[in-house]
Amino acid sequence: MKYSVEIKNGIAKEILVFKGKEYVRTTKKTDFGSSSDDLDFCEQLENEGLTDDVLDEMYDKLDGFLVDSLLTIAESEGK
């Protein structure tokens, strides 16, 4: 598994490589947190035969928390 994120101008491009396949999600900072037009990683991975426990972990760690925090931290670069 490989996970990377690049943040520019309040937009995070996340790339997840899992079992040799690449999944991408782009998330934008908003006044109320963040939003994405892409599916969460756990939704993109649903058809890969992963257990619900693994999908829940993906949601909890990558989809539900990480990118919001990274976008907030990235804002401090300009201060």
N, C-alpha and C. Protein backbone atom coordinates (compact mmCIF):
# COMPACT_ATOMS: atom_id res chain seq x y z
N MET A 1 0.84 -1.17 0.00
CA MET A 1 0.00 0.00 0.00
C MET A 1 0.89 1.23 0.00
N LYS A 2 0.45 2.23 -0.75
CA LYS A 2 1.14 3.51 -0.77
C LYS A 2 0.08 4.61 -0.74
N TYR A 3 0.31 5.62 0.09
CA TYR A 3 -0.60 6.75 0.19
C TYR A 3 0.21 8.03 0.07
N SER A 4 -0.25 8.95 -0.77
CA SER A 4 0.42 10.24 -0.87
C SER A 4 -0.63 11.33 -1.01
N VAL A 5 -0.23 12.53 -0.59
CA VAL A 5 -1.13 13.67 -0.71
C VAL A 5 -0.30 14.89 -1.10
N GLU A 6 -0.85 15.68 -2.01
CA GLU A 6 -0.24 16.94 -2.40
C GLU A 6 -1.29 18.01 -2.20
N ILE A 7 -0.90 19.08 -1.49
CA ILE A 7 -1.85 20.15 -1.19
C ILE A 7 -1.35 21.45 -1.81
N LYS A 8 -2.22 22.06 -2.62
CA LYS A 8 -1.93 23.36 -3.22
C LYS A 8 -3.19 24.19 -3.19
N ASN A 9 -3.06 25.42 -2.69
CA ASN A 9 -4.17 26.39 -2.71
C ASN A 9 -5.47 25.83 -2.13
N GLY A 10 -5.37 25.12 -1.01
CA GLY A 10 -6.56 24.60 -0.35
C GLY A 10 -7.19 23.38 -1.01
N ILE A 11 -6.48 22.76 -1.94
CA ILE A 11 -6.98 21.56 -2.62
C ILE A 11 -5.99 20.42 -2.38
N ALA A 12 -6.50 19.32 -1.88
CA ALA A 12 -5.67 18.14 -1.60
C ALA A 12 -5.95 17.07 -2.65
N LYS A 13 -4.90 16.59 -3.29
CA LYS A 13 -5.02 15.46 -4.21
C LYS A 13 -4.37 14.27 -3.52
N GLU A 14 -5.21 13.30 -3.19
CA GLU A 14 -4.74 12.10 -2.51
C GLU A 14 -4.67 10.95 -3.52
N ILE A 15 -3.62 10.18 -3.41
CA ILE A 15 -3.47 8.99 -4.24
C ILE A 15 -3.21 7.80 -3.32
N LEU A 16 -4.01 6.77 -3.48
CA LEU A 16 -3.87 5.54 -2.72
C LEU A 16 -3.60 4.41 -3.72
N VAL A 17 -2.50 3.71 -3.54
CA VAL A 17 -2.21 2.52 -4.34
C VAL A 17 -2.42 1.33 -3.40
N PHE A 18 -3.37 0.49 -3.75
CA PHE A 18 -3.73 -0.64 -2.91
C PHE A 18 -3.93 -1.86 -3.81
N LYS A 19 -3.21 -2.92 -3.52
CA LYS A 19 -3.24 -4.15 -4.33
C LYS A 19 -2.96 -3.84 -5.80
N GLY A 20 -2.03 -2.92 -6.03
CA GLY A 20 -1.59 -2.61 -7.37
C GLY A 20 -2.48 -1.68 -8.17
N LYS A 21 -3.61 -1.26 -7.60
CA LYS A 21 -4.52 -0.35 -8.30
C LYS A 21 -4.44 1.04 -7.66
N GLU A 22 -4.59 2.06 -8.49
CA GLU A 22 -4.50 3.44 -8.01
C GLU A 22 -5.90 4.04 -7.87
N TYR A 23 -6.11 4.68 -6.72
CA TYR A 23 -7.37 5.35 -6.41
C TYR A 23 -7.04 6.82 -6.10
N VAL A 24 -7.86 7.73 -6.60
CA VAL A 24 -7.59 9.16 -6.45
C VAL A 24 -8.81 9.85 -5.86
N ARG A 25 -8.54 10.80 -4.99
CA ARG A 25 -9.60 11.64 -4.43
C ARG A 25 -9.06 13.06 -4.31
N THR A 26 -9.84 14.03 -4.78
CA THR A 26 -9.48 15.44 -4.67
C THR A 26 -10.46 16.10 -3.72
N THR A 27 -9.93 16.80 -2.73
CA THR A 27 -10.75 17.42 -1.69
C THR A 27 -10.41 18.91 -1.59
N LYS A 28 -11.44 19.74 -1.47
CA LYS A 28 -11.26 21.18 -1.37
C LYS A 28 -11.63 21.67 0.01
N LYS A 29 -10.88 22.62 0.51
CA LYS A 29 -11.17 23.28 1.79
C LYS A 29 -12.38 24.19 1.57
N THR A 30 -13.32 24.17 2.51
CA THR A 30 -14.49 25.04 2.46
C THR A 30 -14.59 25.81 3.77
N ASP A 31 -15.53 26.71 3.84
CA ASP A 31 -15.75 27.45 5.09
C ASP A 31 -16.24 26.55 6.21
N PHE A 32 -16.77 25.39 5.87
CA PHE A 32 -17.35 24.49 6.86
C PHE A 32 -16.59 23.18 7.00
N GLY A 33 -15.34 23.14 6.56
CA GLY A 33 -14.53 21.93 6.62
C GLY A 33 -13.93 21.65 5.26
N SER A 34 -14.40 20.56 4.62
CA SER A 34 -13.91 20.23 3.29
C SER A 34 -14.97 19.44 2.55
N SER A 35 -14.82 19.37 1.23
CA SER A 35 -15.75 18.58 0.43
C SER A 35 -15.01 18.01 -0.78
N SER A 36 -15.56 16.91 -1.28
CA SER A 36 -14.98 16.24 -2.44
C SER A 36 -16.10 15.77 -3.35
N ASP A 37 -15.87 15.85 -4.64
CA ASP A 37 -16.81 15.30 -5.60
C ASP A 37 -16.52 13.82 -5.88
N ASP A 38 -15.37 13.35 -5.39
CA ASP A 38 -14.98 11.95 -5.59
C ASP A 38 -15.53 11.08 -4.48
N LEU A 39 -15.61 9.80 -4.75
CA LEU A 39 -16.01 8.84 -3.72
C LEU A 39 -14.92 8.72 -2.68
N ASP A 40 -15.31 8.42 -1.44
CA ASP A 40 -14.34 8.11 -0.40
C ASP A 40 -13.55 6.87 -0.82
N PHE A 41 -12.35 6.72 -0.27
CA PHE A 41 -11.54 5.55 -0.61
C PHE A 41 -12.26 4.25 -0.27
N CYS A 42 -12.93 4.20 0.88
CA CYS A 42 -13.61 2.95 1.24
C CYS A 42 -14.71 2.61 0.22
N GLU A 43 -15.37 3.63 -0.34
CA GLU A 43 -16.37 3.38 -1.37
C GLU A 43 -15.73 2.92 -2.68
N GLN A 44 -14.58 3.49 -3.00
CA GLN A 44 -13.87 3.07 -4.21
C GLN A 44 -13.35 1.64 -4.08
N LEU A 45 -13.07 1.21 -2.85
CA LEU A 45 -12.50 -0.12 -2.60
C LEU A 45 -13.56 -1.19 -2.31
N GLU A 46 -14.82 -0.82 -2.25
CA GLU A 46 -15.87 -1.78 -1.88
C GLU A 46 -15.89 -3.02 -2.76
N ASN A 47 -15.60 -2.90 -4.02
CA ASN A 47 -15.68 -4.04 -4.93
C ASN A 47 -14.39 -4.85 -5.01
N GLU A 48 -13.46 -4.59 -4.10
CA GLU A 48 -12.18 -5.30 -4.09
C GLU A 48 -12.19 -6.53 -3.19
N GLY A 49 -13.33 -6.85 -2.60
CA GLY A 49 -13.42 -8.04 -1.77
C GLY A 49 -12.86 -7.89 -0.37
N LEU A 50 -12.67 -6.65 0.08
CA LEU A 50 -12.15 -6.41 1.43
C LEU A 50 -13.26 -6.61 2.46
N THR A 51 -12.85 -6.99 3.65
CA THR A 51 -13.83 -7.18 4.72
C THR A 51 -14.36 -5.82 5.18
N ASP A 52 -15.50 -5.85 5.82
CA ASP A 52 -16.08 -4.61 6.35
C ASP A 52 -15.15 -3.96 7.37
N ASP A 53 -14.42 -4.79 8.13
CA ASP A 53 -13.47 -4.25 9.12
C ASP A 53 -12.39 -3.40 8.44
N VAL A 54 -11.85 -3.90 7.33
CA VAL A 54 -10.81 -3.16 6.61
C VAL A 54 -11.40 -1.89 6.00
N LEU A 55 -12.58 -1.98 5.41
CA LEU A 55 -13.24 -0.81 4.84
C LEU A 55 -13.54 0.23 5.92
N ASP A 56 -13.95 -0.23 7.10
CA ASP A 56 -14.19 0.68 8.22
C ASP A 56 -12.91 1.39 8.64
N GLU A 57 -11.79 0.66 8.67
CA GLU A 57 -10.50 1.26 9.00
C GLU A 57 -10.11 2.31 7.96
N MET A 58 -10.31 2.00 6.69
CA MET A 58 -10.04 2.97 5.62
C MET A 58 -10.85 4.24 5.85
N TYR A 59 -12.12 4.05 6.16
CA TYR A 59 -12.99 5.21 6.38
C TYR A 59 -12.52 6.01 7.59
N ASP A 60 -12.28 5.33 8.69
CA ASP A 60 -11.89 6.02 9.92
C ASP A 60 -10.56 6.76 9.78
N LYS A 61 -9.60 6.12 9.14
CA LYS A 61 -8.25 6.70 9.10
C LYS A 61 -8.03 7.64 7.91
N LEU A 62 -8.45 7.25 6.73
CA LEU A 62 -8.18 8.06 5.54
C LEU A 62 -9.35 8.97 5.17
N ASP A 63 -10.54 8.43 5.13
CA ASP A 63 -11.68 9.21 4.64
C ASP A 63 -12.26 10.15 5.68
N GLY A 64 -12.34 9.72 6.91
CA GLY A 64 -13.06 10.48 7.90
C GLY A 64 -12.27 11.54 8.64
N PHE A 65 -10.92 11.53 8.52
CA PHE A 65 -10.16 12.39 9.40
C PHE A 65 -8.95 13.04 8.75
N LEU A 66 -8.13 12.29 8.11
CA LEU A 66 -6.79 12.71 7.74
C LEU A 66 -6.74 13.94 6.84
N VAL A 67 -7.47 13.96 5.75
CA VAL A 67 -7.31 15.06 4.79
C VAL A 67 -7.79 16.39 5.37
N ASP A 68 -8.85 16.39 6.17
CA ASP A 68 -9.29 17.63 6.83
C ASP A 68 -8.17 18.22 7.68
N SER A 69 -7.52 17.38 8.45
CA SER A 69 -6.42 17.83 9.30
C SER A 69 -5.25 18.33 8.47
N LEU A 70 -4.92 17.63 7.39
CA LEU A 70 -3.82 18.05 6.54
C LEU A 70 -4.10 19.38 5.86
N LEU A 71 -5.32 19.59 5.42
CA LEU A 71 -5.68 20.88 4.81
C LEU A 71 -5.54 22.01 5.81
N THR A 72 -5.93 21.78 7.04
CA THR A 72 -5.82 22.79 8.09
C THR A 72 -4.35 23.11 8.36
N ILE A 73 -3.52 22.08 8.46
CA ILE A 73 -2.10 22.28 8.70
C ILE A 73 -1.46 23.04 7.53
N ALA A 74 -1.83 22.69 6.32
CA ALA A 74 -1.26 23.33 5.14
C ALA A 74 -1.57 24.83 5.09
N GLU A 75 -2.71 25.23 5.65
CA GLU A 75 -3.06 26.65 5.70
C GLU A 75 -2.02 27.46 6.45
N SER A 76 -1.36 26.85 7.43
CA SER A 76 -0.39 27.57 8.25
C SER A 76 0.90 27.91 7.49
N GLU A 77 1.12 27.28 6.35
CA GLU A 77 2.30 27.59 5.54
C GLU A 77 2.29 29.04 5.07
N GLY A 78 1.11 29.54 4.78
CA GLY A 78 1.01 30.91 4.27
C GLY A 78 1.00 31.98 5.34
N LYS A 79 1.04 31.58 6.60
CA LYS A 79 0.96 32.56 7.70
C LYS A 79 2.32 32.97 8.16
